[in-house]
Protein backbone atom coordinates (compact mmCIF):
# COMPACT_ATOMS: atom_id res chain seq x y z
CA UNK A 1 141.91 122.59 27.18
CA UNK A 2 141.45 123.49 30.84
CA UNK A 3 138.21 125.31 31.64
CA UNK A 4 138.94 128.20 33.99
CA UNK A 5 136.41 130.73 35.24
CA UNK A 6 137.57 133.95 36.85
CA UNK A 7 135.09 134.88 39.59
CA UNK A 8 136.73 138.16 40.55
CA UNK A 9 140.21 139.53 41.10
CA UNK A 10 142.46 136.78 42.49
CA UNK A 11 139.86 134.00 42.58
CA UNK A 12 139.11 131.32 39.97
CA UNK A 13 137.31 128.02 39.61
CA UNK A 14 138.98 125.30 37.56
CA UNK A 15 137.09 122.36 36.07
CA UNK A 16 138.55 118.89 36.58
CA UNK A 17 137.92 115.35 35.39
CA UNK A 18 134.77 113.41 36.21
CA UNK A 19 134.36 111.15 39.22
CA UNK A 20 131.62 108.61 39.96
CA UNK A 21 129.55 108.80 43.13
CA UNK A 22 126.59 106.47 43.74
CA UNK A 23 126.70 105.56 40.06
CA UNK A 24 126.49 109.16 38.90
CA UNK A 25 129.38 110.54 36.86
CA UNK A 26 129.90 114.17 37.77
CA UNK A 27 132.44 116.83 37.01
CA UNK A 28 134.82 118.18 39.63
CA UNK A 29 135.77 121.77 40.33
CA UNK A 30 138.38 123.39 42.50
CA UNK A 31 138.63 126.98 43.68
CA UNK A 32 141.95 128.83 43.65
CA UNK A 33 142.64 132.07 45.50
CA UNK A 34 145.78 134.15 45.10
CA UNK A 35 146.60 135.50 48.54
CA UNK A 36 148.01 138.98 49.09
CA UNK A 37 151.54 137.62 49.26
CA UNK A 38 151.20 135.98 45.85
CA UNK A 39 150.91 132.38 47.04
CA UNK A 40 147.92 130.22 46.15
CA UNK A 41 145.18 128.73 48.32
CA UNK A 42 143.72 125.65 46.62
CA UNK A 43 140.32 124.31 47.68
CA UNK A 44 139.40 120.70 46.81
CA UNK A 45 142.19 120.08 44.28
CA UNK A 46 141.18 118.34 41.05
CA UNK A 47 143.27 115.79 39.13
CA UNK A 48 146.71 117.11 38.24
CA UNK A 49 147.43 117.51 34.54
CA UNK A 50 149.37 119.71 32.14
CA UNK A 51 146.56 122.28 31.93
CA UNK A 52 146.41 122.60 35.71
CA UNK A 53 150.20 122.87 35.86
CA UNK A 54 150.18 125.67 33.29
CA UNK A 55 147.48 127.59 35.17
CA UNK A 56 149.32 127.31 38.49
CA UNK A 57 152.55 128.46 36.86
CA UNK A 58 150.74 131.42 35.29
CA UNK A 59 149.70 132.47 38.79
CA UNK A 60 153.24 132.34 40.10
CA UNK A 61 153.56 128.64 40.88
CA UNK A 62 153.70 128.88 44.68
CA UNK A 63 150.99 126.98 46.57
CA UNK A 64 150.70 127.84 50.26
CA UNK A 65 147.58 125.88 51.27
CA UNK A 66 145.77 122.74 50.12
CA UNK A 67 142.23 122.32 51.45
CA UNK A 68 140.34 119.04 51.98
CA UNK A 69 136.87 120.38 52.94
CA UNK A 70 135.03 117.11 53.63
CA UNK A 71 135.62 113.36 53.79
CA UNK A 72 134.88 112.79 50.11
CA UNK A 73 137.25 115.33 48.61
CA UNK A 74 140.69 113.84 49.03
CA UNK A 75 141.35 111.71 45.91
CA UNK A 76 143.77 114.14 44.31
CA UNK A 77 145.41 115.59 47.41
CA UNK A 78 148.34 113.08 47.44
CA UNK A 79 149.55 114.17 44.01
CA UNK A 80 149.27 117.84 44.91
CA UNK A 81 151.29 117.19 48.07
CA UNK A 82 153.98 115.65 45.89
CA UNK A 83 153.99 118.66 43.59
CA UNK A 84 153.96 121.18 46.45
CA UNK A 85 155.62 119.60 49.50
CA UNK A 86 156.03 123.03 51.09
CA UNK A 87 152.26 123.67 51.12
CA UNK A 88 150.36 123.39 54.37
CA UNK A 89 147.49 120.87 54.22
CA UNK A 90 144.19 121.54 55.98
CA UNK A 91 141.55 118.81 56.32
CA UNK A 92 138.08 118.56 57.83
CA UNK A 93 137.99 116.34 60.95
CA UNK A 94 136.09 113.39 59.42
CA UNK A 95 138.53 113.40 56.50
CA UNK A 96 141.51 113.25 58.86
CA UNK A 97 139.95 110.21 60.55
CA UNK A 98 139.13 108.51 57.24
CA UNK A 99 142.44 108.91 55.40
CA UNK A 100 145.55 107.83 57.28
CA UNK A 101 147.86 109.86 55.05
CA UNK A 102 146.04 113.02 56.13
CA UNK A 103 146.38 112.37 59.85
CA UNK A 104 149.17 114.96 59.94
CA UNK A 105 147.10 117.64 58.23
CA UNK A 106 145.91 120.68 60.15
CA UNK A 107 142.29 120.18 61.26
CA UNK A 108 139.88 122.75 59.85
CA UNK A 109 138.03 124.49 62.68
CA UNK A 110 135.78 127.53 62.91
CA UNK A 111 138.85 129.76 63.14
CA UNK A 112 140.88 130.44 60.02
CA UNK A 113 144.65 129.97 60.48
CA UNK A 114 147.06 132.88 60.36
CA UNK A 115 148.24 131.77 56.91
CA UNK A 116 145.07 133.04 55.23
CA UNK A 117 142.88 134.58 57.95
CA UNK A 118 143.36 138.11 56.60
CA UNK A 119 141.43 137.18 53.45
CA UNK A 120 139.44 133.98 53.99
CA UNK A 121 136.98 133.09 56.75
CA UNK A 122 135.74 129.58 57.51
CA UNK A 123 133.14 127.66 59.49
CA UNK A 124 132.30 123.96 59.82
CA UNK A 125 128.75 122.74 59.20
CA UNK A 126 128.56 120.09 61.94
CA UNK A 127 125.71 118.16 63.59
CA UNK A 128 125.65 115.30 61.07
CA UNK A 129 127.57 112.19 62.14
CA UNK A 130 127.75 110.89 58.56
CA UNK A 131 128.93 114.05 56.85
CA UNK A 132 130.10 117.51 57.72
CA UNK A 133 131.76 120.17 55.62
CA UNK A 134 133.99 123.16 56.08
CA UNK A 135 132.85 126.20 54.11
CA UNK A 136 134.88 129.29 53.29
CA UNK A 137 134.35 132.93 52.44
CA UNK A 138 136.79 134.95 50.34
CA UNK A 139 136.23 138.42 51.70
CA UNK A 140 137.75 140.54 48.90
CA UNK A 141 135.43 139.00 46.27
CA UNK A 142 132.56 138.20 48.66
CA UNK A 143 132.56 134.62 47.41
CA UNK A 144 131.13 131.70 49.41
CA UNK A 145 133.07 128.51 48.68
CA UNK A 146 131.17 125.26 49.20
CA UNK A 147 131.86 121.68 48.12
CA UNK A 148 128.97 119.19 48.40
CA UNK A 149 126.49 121.17 50.50
CA UNK A 150 125.05 122.45 47.23
CA UNK A 151 124.83 120.31 44.08
CA UNK A 152 123.05 121.19 40.81
CA UNK A 153 123.79 118.49 38.22
CA UNK A 154 122.63 118.02 34.66
CA UNK A 155 121.62 114.37 34.29
CA UNK A 156 120.68 113.92 30.63
CA UNK A 157 123.71 111.72 29.86
CA UNK A 158 123.52 109.59 33.01
CA UNK A 159 122.16 106.09 33.34
CA UNK A 160 118.60 105.65 34.71
CA UNK A 161 119.69 104.57 38.19
CA UNK A 162 121.99 107.56 38.56
CA UNK A 163 119.24 109.89 37.37
CA UNK A 164 116.84 108.35 39.89
CA UNK A 165 119.36 108.79 42.70
CA UNK A 166 119.96 112.44 41.83
CA UNK A 167 116.23 113.10 41.63
CA UNK A 168 115.73 111.48 45.04
CA UNK A 169 118.51 113.62 46.46
CA UNK A 170 116.94 116.74 44.96
CA UNK A 171 120.15 117.84 43.26
CA UNK A 172 119.15 117.77 39.58
CA UNK A 173 119.59 120.91 37.45
CA UNK A 174 118.03 123.44 37.46
CA UNK A 175 116.39 122.75 40.81
CA UNK A 176 119.33 121.32 42.75
CA UNK A 177 120.29 122.27 46.26
CA UNK A 178 121.28 120.73 49.58
CA UNK A 179 121.17 116.91 49.21
CA UNK A 180 118.12 115.34 50.82
CA UNK A 181 120.13 112.70 52.73
CA UNK A 182 122.25 115.40 54.33
CA UNK A 183 119.12 117.21 55.47
CA UNK A 184 117.57 114.00 56.82
CA UNK A 185 120.65 112.91 58.75
CA UNK A 186 121.46 116.25 60.32
CA UNK A 187 120.01 115.20 63.66
CA UNK A 188 121.56 117.93 65.78
CA UNK A 189 120.62 121.13 64.01
CA UNK A 190 122.11 123.52 66.55
CA UNK A 191 125.69 123.39 65.15
CA UNK A 192 124.27 123.83 61.66
CA UNK A 193 122.21 126.81 62.77
CA UNK A 194 125.29 128.38 64.34
CA UNK A 195 127.26 127.84 61.13
CA UNK A 196 124.41 129.25 59.08
CA UNK A 197 124.36 132.40 61.19
CA UNK A 198 128.04 132.89 60.43
CA UNK A 199 127.47 132.24 56.73
CA UNK A 200 124.60 134.73 56.61
CA UNK A 201 126.70 137.34 58.40
CA UNK A 202 129.22 137.16 55.57
CA UNK A 203 126.57 138.36 53.08
CA UNK A 204 128.15 136.63 50.07
CA UNK A 205 127.53 137.90 46.55
CA UNK A 206 128.85 134.81 44.75
CA UNK A 207 128.54 131.09 45.47
CA UNK A 208 130.79 128.39 44.03
CA UNK A 209 130.60 124.65 44.67
CA UNK A 210 132.18 121.48 43.30
CA UNK A 211 129.49 119.73 41.25
CA UNK A 212 127.03 121.18 38.79
CA UNK A 213 125.75 124.47 37.47
CA UNK A 214 125.53 127.84 39.18
CA UNK A 215 122.11 129.04 40.33
CA UNK A 216 120.55 131.96 38.47
CA UNK A 217 119.22 133.72 41.55
CA UNK A 218 121.09 135.96 44.03
CA UNK A 219 123.30 134.28 46.62
CA UNK A 220 121.14 135.46 49.52
CA UNK A 221 118.08 133.79 47.99
CA UNK A 222 119.96 130.52 47.46
CA UNK A 223 121.07 130.47 51.09
CA UNK A 224 117.60 131.33 52.43
CA UNK A 225 115.93 128.67 50.27
CA UNK A 226 118.37 125.81 50.67
CA UNK A 227 119.26 126.08 54.34
CA UNK A 228 115.72 126.70 55.59
CA UNK A 229 115.70 123.12 56.94
CA UNK A 230 117.95 124.32 59.76
CA UNK A 231 115.53 126.99 60.98
């Protein structure tokens, strides 16, 4: 049975199958927004299956936008493009360079496109040559939508090497956060600071991300604590 969590009116997270990264098996999660016109905006699509199909059909079945927010979140985009050939595809710049089949996707910039700009804002956390991520803000629900910039994984069923890696990265539940390697390799902090200022100006009340458990403190505290390395 598909696990679906309604965040607020017209916004949901949907749990997907597990993937393995650096030896650690972790769950996946996509965020779905129903835009004012009734079409769906799908962030970091998870593996397509009958449960996902049923959920999309329950929401009207029309997908307007598919979002690839960073260079790691593209595995399931091809199938979604097959299912929804009319959808516009938006991909972060490093992802467009990495995956040839996404070269024709719209590049995600700091300016939301007309398709969803009335409801969703966006900004790119740049300054890291190895990894950057586009983040989004659903204004009606005041929800910040991240992907891998925050991770908070339970590790009790993982192998010892995976648990060691997650501990090193500082992303183990309940004390997860921004991965240590991302913090270390963000050499030019000015673009990150600029993105953080935008993020803070949104004043989100909810935070969703792709891997792990939600934090039990207010969104503003999470942002202040985890992005202090950019100050």
